[in-house]
């Protein structure tokens, strides 16, 4: 998939996002005991991984869907840079477009979102995800929202 604002994610784009990640997104990753150094592996492990760019060709975020052991289920993920705040409408429009294209391959998408990351909460709602419950996963037992989206 390639367009003006959505392009195939690469190890290089993953490293660029990791170096310029929003602080709240960094906390979300680290709160689950993960490292930003693993972001390139998330790109590699995803069925599809994309990078989102703004109208000035700056990277706003990266996203992907990793397969799970359950048929039709995918673990969706997304991390953003601060550039997402400069043109949120473009980002949301492109994220919706990408997600619509992916939904035909899944019956359910899910993940955890840090309860402190209000930007992600709003984005998840705009993309059609529902928060089911608050969970406190190890290793730090911080509050995370379990988010899901049923696909057509």
N, C-alpha and C. Protein backbone atom coordinates (compact mmCIF):
# COMPACT_ATOMS: atom_id res chain seq x y z
N UNK A 1 0.86 -1.17 0.00
CA UNK A 1 0.00 0.00 0.00
C UNK A 1 0.89 1.23 0.00
N UNK A 2 0.61 2.10 -0.90
CA UNK A 2 1.38 3.33 -0.96
C UNK A 2 0.47 4.45 -1.47
N UNK A 3 0.57 5.57 -0.85
CA UNK A 3 -0.13 6.76 -1.29
C UNK A 3 0.67 7.95 -0.80
N UNK A 4 0.11 9.10 -0.99
CA UNK A 4 0.82 10.30 -0.55
C UNK A 4 1.07 10.29 0.96
N UNK A 5 0.09 9.79 1.73
CA UNK A 5 0.19 9.86 3.18
C UNK A 5 0.36 8.51 3.88
N UNK A 6 0.17 7.42 3.16
CA UNK A 6 0.35 6.08 3.74
C UNK A 6 1.35 5.32 2.89
N UNK A 7 2.38 4.80 3.56
CA UNK A 7 3.40 4.04 2.85
C UNK A 7 3.75 2.80 3.66
N UNK A 8 4.30 1.83 2.98
CA UNK A 8 4.74 0.62 3.65
C UNK A 8 5.79 0.98 4.70
N UNK A 9 5.62 0.47 5.91
CA UNK A 9 6.59 0.74 6.97
C UNK A 9 7.85 -0.08 6.74
N UNK A 10 8.96 0.48 7.12
CA UNK A 10 10.26 -0.19 7.01
C UNK A 10 10.95 -0.14 8.36
N UNK A 11 12.04 -0.84 8.45
CA UNK A 11 12.84 -0.77 9.68
C UNK A 11 13.29 0.67 9.92
N UNK A 12 13.63 1.37 8.85
CA UNK A 12 14.08 2.77 8.97
C UNK A 12 12.97 3.66 9.51
N UNK A 13 11.73 3.48 9.01
CA UNK A 13 10.64 4.32 9.52
C UNK A 13 10.34 3.96 10.97
N UNK A 14 10.47 2.70 11.33
CA UNK A 14 10.27 2.31 12.73
C UNK A 14 11.29 2.99 13.63
N UNK A 15 12.53 3.03 13.18
CA UNK A 15 13.58 3.68 13.98
C UNK A 15 13.34 5.19 14.07
N UNK A 16 12.84 5.79 12.99
CA UNK A 16 12.54 7.22 13.01
C UNK A 16 11.42 7.54 13.99
N UNK A 17 10.38 6.70 14.00
CA UNK A 17 9.29 6.91 14.97
C UNK A 17 9.81 6.71 16.38
N UNK A 18 10.61 5.69 16.60
CA UNK A 18 11.15 5.42 17.95
C UNK A 18 11.96 6.61 18.46
N UNK A 19 12.67 7.27 17.57
CA UNK A 19 13.50 8.42 17.97
C UNK A 19 12.67 9.68 18.20
N UNK A 20 11.47 9.75 17.62
CA UNK A 20 10.65 10.96 17.70
C UNK A 20 9.27 10.69 18.29
N UNK A 21 9.15 9.65 19.07
CA UNK A 21 7.86 9.21 19.58
C UNK A 21 7.27 10.20 20.59
N UNK A 22 5.96 10.30 20.59
CA UNK A 22 5.29 11.11 21.61
C UNK A 22 5.59 10.51 22.98
N UNK A 23 5.75 11.34 23.96
CA UNK A 23 6.10 10.87 25.31
C UNK A 23 5.04 9.90 25.85
N UNK A 24 3.77 10.20 25.60
CA UNK A 24 2.69 9.34 26.09
C UNK A 24 2.74 7.96 25.43
N UNK A 25 3.10 7.92 24.15
CA UNK A 25 3.21 6.65 23.44
C UNK A 25 4.41 5.85 23.98
N UNK A 26 5.48 6.55 24.27
CA UNK A 26 6.66 5.89 24.86
C UNK A 26 6.30 5.27 26.21
N UNK A 27 5.57 6.02 27.03
CA UNK A 27 5.14 5.50 28.33
C UNK A 27 4.24 4.28 28.16
N UNK A 28 3.40 4.29 27.12
CA UNK A 28 2.51 3.18 26.87
C UNK A 28 3.30 1.90 26.58
N UNK A 29 4.31 2.02 25.73
CA UNK A 29 5.16 0.87 25.38
C UNK A 29 5.93 0.39 26.61
N UNK A 30 6.59 1.31 27.29
CA UNK A 30 7.43 0.94 28.43
C UNK A 30 6.61 0.44 29.60
N UNK A 31 5.37 0.92 29.75
CA UNK A 31 4.51 0.46 30.83
C UNK A 31 4.14 -1.01 30.73
N UNK A 32 4.25 -1.56 29.52
CA UNK A 32 4.01 -2.99 29.31
C UNK A 32 5.29 -3.80 29.40
N UNK A 33 6.39 -3.11 29.74
CA UNK A 33 7.67 -3.81 29.88
C UNK A 33 8.41 -4.01 28.57
N UNK A 34 7.99 -3.29 27.52
CA UNK A 34 8.62 -3.40 26.21
C UNK A 34 9.60 -2.25 26.00
N UNK A 35 10.44 -2.40 24.99
CA UNK A 35 11.41 -1.38 24.64
C UNK A 35 11.11 -0.85 23.25
N UNK A 36 11.37 0.43 23.03
CA UNK A 36 11.21 1.00 21.70
C UNK A 36 12.19 0.38 20.71
N UNK A 37 13.26 -0.21 21.21
CA UNK A 37 14.23 -0.88 20.33
C UNK A 37 13.59 -2.06 19.61
N UNK A 38 12.46 -2.55 20.10
CA UNK A 38 11.77 -3.68 19.48
C UNK A 38 10.82 -3.25 18.37
N UNK A 39 10.63 -1.96 18.17
CA UNK A 39 9.68 -1.48 17.17
C UNK A 39 9.97 -2.04 15.76
N UNK A 40 11.23 -2.11 15.32
CA UNK A 40 11.47 -2.73 14.00
C UNK A 40 10.98 -4.17 13.92
N UNK A 41 11.05 -4.91 15.02
CA UNK A 41 10.55 -6.28 15.02
C UNK A 41 9.03 -6.32 14.89
N UNK A 42 8.35 -5.33 15.46
CA UNK A 42 6.89 -5.25 15.30
C UNK A 42 6.53 -5.07 13.84
N UNK A 43 7.31 -4.26 13.13
CA UNK A 43 7.09 -4.07 11.70
C UNK A 43 7.26 -5.39 10.96
N UNK A 44 8.32 -6.10 11.27
CA UNK A 44 8.62 -7.38 10.60
C UNK A 44 7.55 -8.43 10.91
N UNK A 45 7.08 -8.47 12.15
CA UNK A 45 6.12 -9.48 12.57
C UNK A 45 4.68 -9.20 12.13
N UNK A 46 4.41 -7.99 11.71
CA UNK A 46 3.05 -7.62 11.33
C UNK A 46 2.68 -8.20 9.97
N UNK A 47 1.39 -8.58 9.83
CA UNK A 47 0.88 -8.97 8.52
C UNK A 47 1.02 -7.79 7.55
N UNK A 48 0.72 -6.64 8.07
CA UNK A 48 0.84 -5.41 7.30
C UNK A 48 1.28 -4.31 8.27
N UNK A 49 2.24 -3.51 7.87
CA UNK A 49 2.68 -2.39 8.70
C UNK A 49 2.85 -1.18 7.78
N UNK A 50 2.35 -0.05 8.24
CA UNK A 50 2.38 1.16 7.43
C UNK A 50 2.89 2.34 8.24
N UNK A 51 3.37 3.34 7.51
CA UNK A 51 3.78 4.60 8.11
C UNK A 51 2.86 5.68 7.57
N UNK A 52 2.47 6.59 8.44
CA UNK A 52 1.58 7.69 8.08
C UNK A 52 2.38 9.00 8.03
N UNK A 53 2.14 9.79 6.99
CA UNK A 53 2.86 11.05 6.80
C UNK A 53 1.86 12.20 6.71
N UNK A 54 2.32 13.40 7.09
CA UNK A 54 1.45 14.56 6.98
C UNK A 54 1.65 15.25 5.63
N UNK A 55 0.99 16.38 5.43
CA UNK A 55 1.05 17.08 4.15
C UNK A 55 2.43 17.68 3.88
N UNK A 56 3.28 17.75 4.92
CA UNK A 56 4.64 18.24 4.74
C UNK A 56 5.64 17.09 4.65
N UNK A 57 5.14 15.87 4.48
CA UNK A 57 5.94 14.65 4.34
C UNK A 57 6.75 14.31 5.60
N UNK A 58 6.18 14.67 6.76
CA UNK A 58 6.80 14.31 8.04
C UNK A 58 6.09 13.06 8.57
N UNK A 59 6.83 12.17 9.17
CA UNK A 59 6.23 10.93 9.67
C UNK A 59 5.44 11.22 10.94
N UNK A 60 4.16 10.87 10.91
CA UNK A 60 3.25 11.11 12.03
C UNK A 60 3.06 9.87 12.89
N UNK A 61 3.23 8.71 12.29
CA UNK A 61 3.02 7.50 13.06
C UNK A 61 3.27 6.26 12.24
N UNK A 62 3.21 5.15 12.94
CA UNK A 62 3.42 3.84 12.34
C UNK A 62 2.40 2.89 12.96
N UNK A 63 1.93 1.95 12.17
CA UNK A 63 0.92 1.02 12.68
C UNK A 63 1.07 -0.33 12.00
N UNK A 64 0.50 -1.34 12.63
CA UNK A 64 0.52 -2.66 12.03
C UNK A 64 -0.49 -3.58 12.71
N UNK A 65 -0.60 -4.76 12.15
CA UNK A 65 -1.48 -5.78 12.72
C UNK A 65 -0.68 -7.08 12.78
N UNK A 66 -0.49 -7.57 13.98
CA UNK A 66 0.22 -8.84 14.17
C UNK A 66 -0.79 -9.97 14.26
N UNK A 67 -0.52 -11.08 13.60
CA UNK A 67 -1.43 -12.22 13.71
C UNK A 67 -1.38 -12.81 15.12
N UNK A 68 -2.47 -13.42 15.52
CA UNK A 68 -2.50 -14.12 16.80
C UNK A 68 -2.73 -15.60 16.50
N UNK A 69 -2.83 -16.41 17.53
CA UNK A 69 -3.04 -17.84 17.32
C UNK A 69 -4.51 -18.17 17.06
N UNK A 70 -5.37 -17.18 17.06
CA UNK A 70 -6.80 -17.40 16.79
C UNK A 70 -7.15 -16.93 15.39
N UNK A 71 -7.82 -17.79 14.64
CA UNK A 71 -8.22 -17.49 13.27
C UNK A 71 -9.05 -16.20 13.20
N UNK A 72 -8.67 -15.28 12.32
CA UNK A 72 -9.43 -14.06 12.11
C UNK A 72 -9.19 -12.96 13.12
N UNK A 73 -8.28 -13.18 14.04
CA UNK A 73 -8.00 -12.19 15.10
C UNK A 73 -6.64 -11.55 14.85
N UNK A 74 -6.56 -10.24 15.06
CA UNK A 74 -5.29 -9.54 14.91
C UNK A 74 -5.06 -8.57 16.05
N UNK A 75 -3.80 -8.42 16.42
CA UNK A 75 -3.42 -7.46 17.45
C UNK A 75 -2.92 -6.21 16.73
N UNK A 76 -3.75 -5.17 16.75
CA UNK A 76 -3.44 -3.94 16.07
C UNK A 76 -2.59 -3.05 16.98
N UNK A 77 -1.67 -2.31 16.40
CA UNK A 77 -0.83 -1.41 17.19
C UNK A 77 -0.56 -0.13 16.40
N UNK A 78 -0.32 0.94 17.12
CA UNK A 78 -0.03 2.23 16.49
C UNK A 78 0.75 3.09 17.47
N UNK A 79 1.77 3.74 16.97
CA UNK A 79 2.55 4.68 17.76
C UNK A 79 2.74 5.95 16.94
N UNK A 80 2.74 7.09 17.61
CA UNK A 80 2.76 8.38 16.90
C UNK A 80 3.92 9.26 17.33
N UNK A 81 4.27 10.17 16.44
CA UNK A 81 5.22 11.24 16.75
C UNK A 81 4.40 12.50 17.06
N UNK A 82 5.06 13.53 17.51
CA UNK A 82 4.36 14.78 17.80
C UNK A 82 3.80 15.46 16.56
N UNK A 83 4.27 15.09 15.38
CA UNK A 83 3.75 15.69 14.15
C UNK A 83 2.27 15.37 13.96
N UNK A 84 1.80 14.30 14.57
CA UNK A 84 0.39 13.95 14.45
C UNK A 84 -0.51 15.08 14.98
N UNK A 85 0.01 15.85 15.92
CA UNK A 85 -0.77 16.93 16.52
C UNK A 85 -0.90 18.14 15.59
N UNK A 86 -0.02 18.24 14.57
CA UNK A 86 -0.06 19.37 13.64
C UNK A 86 -1.14 19.21 12.56
N UNK A 87 -1.45 17.98 12.21
CA UNK A 87 -2.48 17.75 11.18
C UNK A 87 -3.29 16.51 11.53
N UNK A 88 -4.04 16.59 12.63
CA UNK A 88 -4.77 15.40 13.09
C UNK A 88 -5.85 14.92 12.12
N UNK A 89 -6.47 15.85 11.38
CA UNK A 89 -7.53 15.42 10.46
C UNK A 89 -6.97 14.54 9.35
N UNK A 90 -5.84 14.92 8.79
CA UNK A 90 -5.20 14.11 7.75
C UNK A 90 -4.85 12.74 8.29
N UNK A 91 -4.29 12.72 9.48
CA UNK A 91 -3.89 11.45 10.09
C UNK A 91 -5.09 10.54 10.32
N UNK A 92 -6.13 11.07 10.92
CA UNK A 92 -7.31 10.25 11.22
C UNK A 92 -7.95 9.75 9.93
N UNK A 93 -8.06 10.61 8.92
CA UNK A 93 -8.63 10.19 7.63
C UNK A 93 -7.84 9.03 7.04
N UNK A 94 -6.52 9.15 7.05
CA UNK A 94 -5.68 8.10 6.48
C UNK A 94 -5.70 6.82 7.32
N UNK A 95 -5.73 6.97 8.63
CA UNK A 95 -5.79 5.79 9.51
C UNK A 95 -7.11 5.04 9.30
N UNK A 96 -8.21 5.78 9.15
CA UNK A 96 -9.51 5.14 8.88
C UNK A 96 -9.47 4.39 7.56
N UNK A 97 -8.90 5.02 6.55
CA UNK A 97 -8.80 4.40 5.22
C UNK A 97 -8.01 3.09 5.31
N UNK A 98 -6.86 3.14 5.95
CA UNK A 98 -6.03 1.94 6.10
C UNK A 98 -6.76 0.85 6.88
N UNK A 99 -7.38 1.23 7.97
CA UNK A 99 -8.08 0.25 8.80
C UNK A 99 -9.24 -0.41 8.05
N UNK A 100 -10.00 0.38 7.30
CA UNK A 100 -11.09 -0.19 6.49
C UNK A 100 -10.58 -1.24 5.52
N UNK A 101 -9.42 -0.98 4.93
CA UNK A 101 -8.84 -1.94 3.99
C UNK A 101 -8.40 -3.22 4.69
N UNK A 102 -7.99 -3.12 5.93
CA UNK A 102 -7.50 -4.29 6.67
C UNK A 102 -8.62 -5.12 7.27
N UNK A 103 -9.73 -4.49 7.58
CA UNK A 103 -10.82 -5.17 8.30
C UNK A 103 -11.38 -6.38 7.56
N UNK A 104 -11.27 -6.39 6.25
CA UNK A 104 -11.80 -7.54 5.49
C UNK A 104 -11.02 -8.82 5.78
N UNK A 105 -9.82 -8.69 6.34
CA UNK A 105 -8.98 -9.85 6.64
C UNK A 105 -9.14 -10.36 8.07
N UNK A 106 -9.96 -9.68 8.88
CA UNK A 106 -10.07 -10.03 10.30
C UNK A 106 -11.53 -9.98 10.74
N UNK A 107 -11.84 -10.75 11.76
CA UNK A 107 -13.15 -10.65 12.39
C UNK A 107 -13.07 -9.81 13.66
N UNK A 108 -11.85 -9.71 14.23
CA UNK A 108 -11.66 -8.98 15.49
C UNK A 108 -10.25 -8.40 15.53
N UNK A 109 -10.16 -7.13 15.92
CA UNK A 109 -8.88 -6.48 16.19
C UNK A 109 -8.89 -6.04 17.65
N UNK A 110 -7.74 -6.14 18.30
CA UNK A 110 -7.69 -5.80 19.72
C UNK A 110 -6.28 -5.34 20.12
N UNK A 111 -6.18 -4.74 21.28
CA UNK A 111 -4.92 -4.43 21.94
C UNK A 111 -5.21 -3.79 23.28
N UNK A 112 -4.15 -3.31 23.92
CA UNK A 112 -4.25 -2.57 25.18
C UNK A 112 -3.78 -1.15 24.93
N UNK A 113 -4.45 -0.19 25.54
CA UNK A 113 -4.08 1.22 25.44
C UNK A 113 -3.91 1.77 26.85
N UNK A 114 -2.80 2.42 27.07
CA UNK A 114 -2.50 3.01 28.38
C UNK A 114 -3.63 3.95 28.79
N UNK A 115 -4.16 3.75 29.96
CA UNK A 115 -5.28 4.58 30.45
C UNK A 115 -4.87 6.05 30.57
N UNK A 116 -3.57 6.32 30.67
CA UNK A 116 -3.09 7.70 30.79
C UNK A 116 -2.97 8.41 29.45
N UNK A 117 -3.00 7.66 28.35
CA UNK A 117 -2.75 8.20 27.02
C UNK A 117 -4.06 8.67 26.38
N UNK A 118 -4.52 9.85 26.76
CA UNK A 118 -5.81 10.36 26.32
C UNK A 118 -5.87 10.55 24.80
N UNK A 119 -4.75 10.88 24.18
CA UNK A 119 -4.71 11.02 22.71
C UNK A 119 -5.08 9.69 22.06
N UNK A 120 -4.53 8.59 22.57
CA UNK A 120 -4.86 7.28 22.01
C UNK A 120 -6.32 6.91 22.25
N UNK A 121 -6.87 7.29 23.38
CA UNK A 121 -8.28 6.98 23.66
C UNK A 121 -9.16 7.63 22.59
N UNK A 122 -8.90 8.90 22.32
CA UNK A 122 -9.70 9.62 21.33
C UNK A 122 -9.51 9.00 19.94
N UNK A 123 -8.28 8.70 19.59
CA UNK A 123 -8.00 8.09 18.30
C UNK A 123 -8.69 6.73 18.18
N UNK A 124 -8.62 5.92 19.21
CA UNK A 124 -9.28 4.60 19.19
C UNK A 124 -10.78 4.74 18.97
N UNK A 125 -11.39 5.69 19.65
CA UNK A 125 -12.84 5.92 19.47
C UNK A 125 -13.15 6.35 18.04
N UNK A 126 -12.34 7.27 17.50
CA UNK A 126 -12.55 7.75 16.13
C UNK A 126 -12.39 6.62 15.11
N UNK A 127 -11.57 5.63 15.43
CA UNK A 127 -11.33 4.51 14.52
C UNK A 127 -12.31 3.36 14.76
N UNK A 128 -13.24 3.55 15.69
CA UNK A 128 -14.29 2.55 15.90
C UNK A 128 -13.99 1.49 16.94
N UNK A 129 -12.95 1.68 17.73
CA UNK A 129 -12.65 0.73 18.80
C UNK A 129 -13.47 1.04 20.04
N UNK A 130 -13.77 0.01 20.79
CA UNK A 130 -14.49 0.14 22.06
C UNK A 130 -13.59 -0.33 23.19
N UNK A 131 -13.61 0.41 24.28
CA UNK A 131 -12.88 -0.01 25.48
C UNK A 131 -13.79 -0.94 26.28
N UNK A 132 -13.32 -2.16 26.51
CA UNK A 132 -14.14 -3.14 27.22
C UNK A 132 -13.99 -3.07 28.72
N UNK A 133 -12.75 -2.94 29.16
CA UNK A 133 -12.49 -2.97 30.60
C UNK A 133 -11.09 -2.45 30.88
N UNK A 134 -10.82 -2.19 32.14
CA UNK A 134 -9.49 -1.79 32.58
C UNK A 134 -8.78 -3.04 33.08
N UNK A 135 -7.56 -3.24 32.61
CA UNK A 135 -6.73 -4.35 33.06
C UNK A 135 -5.41 -3.78 33.56
N UNK A 136 -4.71 -4.55 34.35
CA UNK A 136 -3.42 -4.10 34.89
C UNK A 136 -2.36 -5.17 34.64
N UNK A 137 -1.80 -5.18 33.42
CA UNK A 137 -0.86 -6.23 33.05
C UNK A 137 0.51 -6.06 33.71
N UNK A 138 1.22 -7.16 33.89
CA UNK A 138 2.58 -7.09 34.40
C UNK A 138 3.47 -6.45 33.32
N UNK A 139 4.61 -5.94 33.64
CA UNK A 139 5.30 -6.09 34.93
C UNK A 139 5.03 -4.95 35.91
N UNK A 140 4.40 -3.86 35.44
CA UNK A 140 4.23 -2.70 36.32
C UNK A 140 2.81 -2.55 36.84
N UNK A 141 1.87 -3.31 36.31
CA UNK A 141 0.48 -3.33 36.77
C UNK A 141 -0.19 -1.96 36.70
N UNK A 142 0.16 -1.21 35.64
CA UNK A 142 -0.47 0.08 35.39
C UNK A 142 -1.82 -0.14 34.72
N UNK A 143 -2.74 0.80 34.83
CA UNK A 143 -4.06 0.61 34.20
C UNK A 143 -3.99 0.80 32.68
N UNK A 144 -4.50 -0.20 31.98
CA UNK A 144 -4.61 -0.18 30.51
C UNK A 144 -6.05 -0.50 30.15
N UNK A 145 -6.51 0.08 29.05
CA UNK A 145 -7.84 -0.23 28.53
C UNK A 145 -7.70 -1.35 27.51
N UNK A 146 -8.52 -2.36 27.64
CA UNK A 146 -8.59 -3.41 26.64
C UNK A 146 -9.52 -2.91 25.54
N UNK A 147 -8.97 -2.71 24.34
CA UNK A 147 -9.76 -2.16 23.24
C UNK A 147 -10.02 -3.24 22.19
N UNK A 148 -11.20 -3.20 21.58
CA UNK A 148 -11.56 -4.16 20.55
C UNK A 148 -12.37 -3.49 19.45
N UNK A 149 -12.32 -4.12 18.29
CA UNK A 149 -13.14 -3.68 17.16
C UNK A 149 -13.58 -4.93 16.43
N UNK A 150 -14.90 -5.09 16.29
CA UNK A 150 -15.43 -6.19 15.50
C UNK A 150 -15.41 -5.74 14.04
N UNK A 151 -14.93 -6.62 13.18
CA UNK A 151 -14.80 -6.28 11.77
C UNK A 151 -15.88 -6.99 10.96
N UNK A 152 -16.20 -6.43 9.82
CA UNK A 152 -17.25 -6.99 8.96
C UNK A 152 -16.82 -8.28 8.31
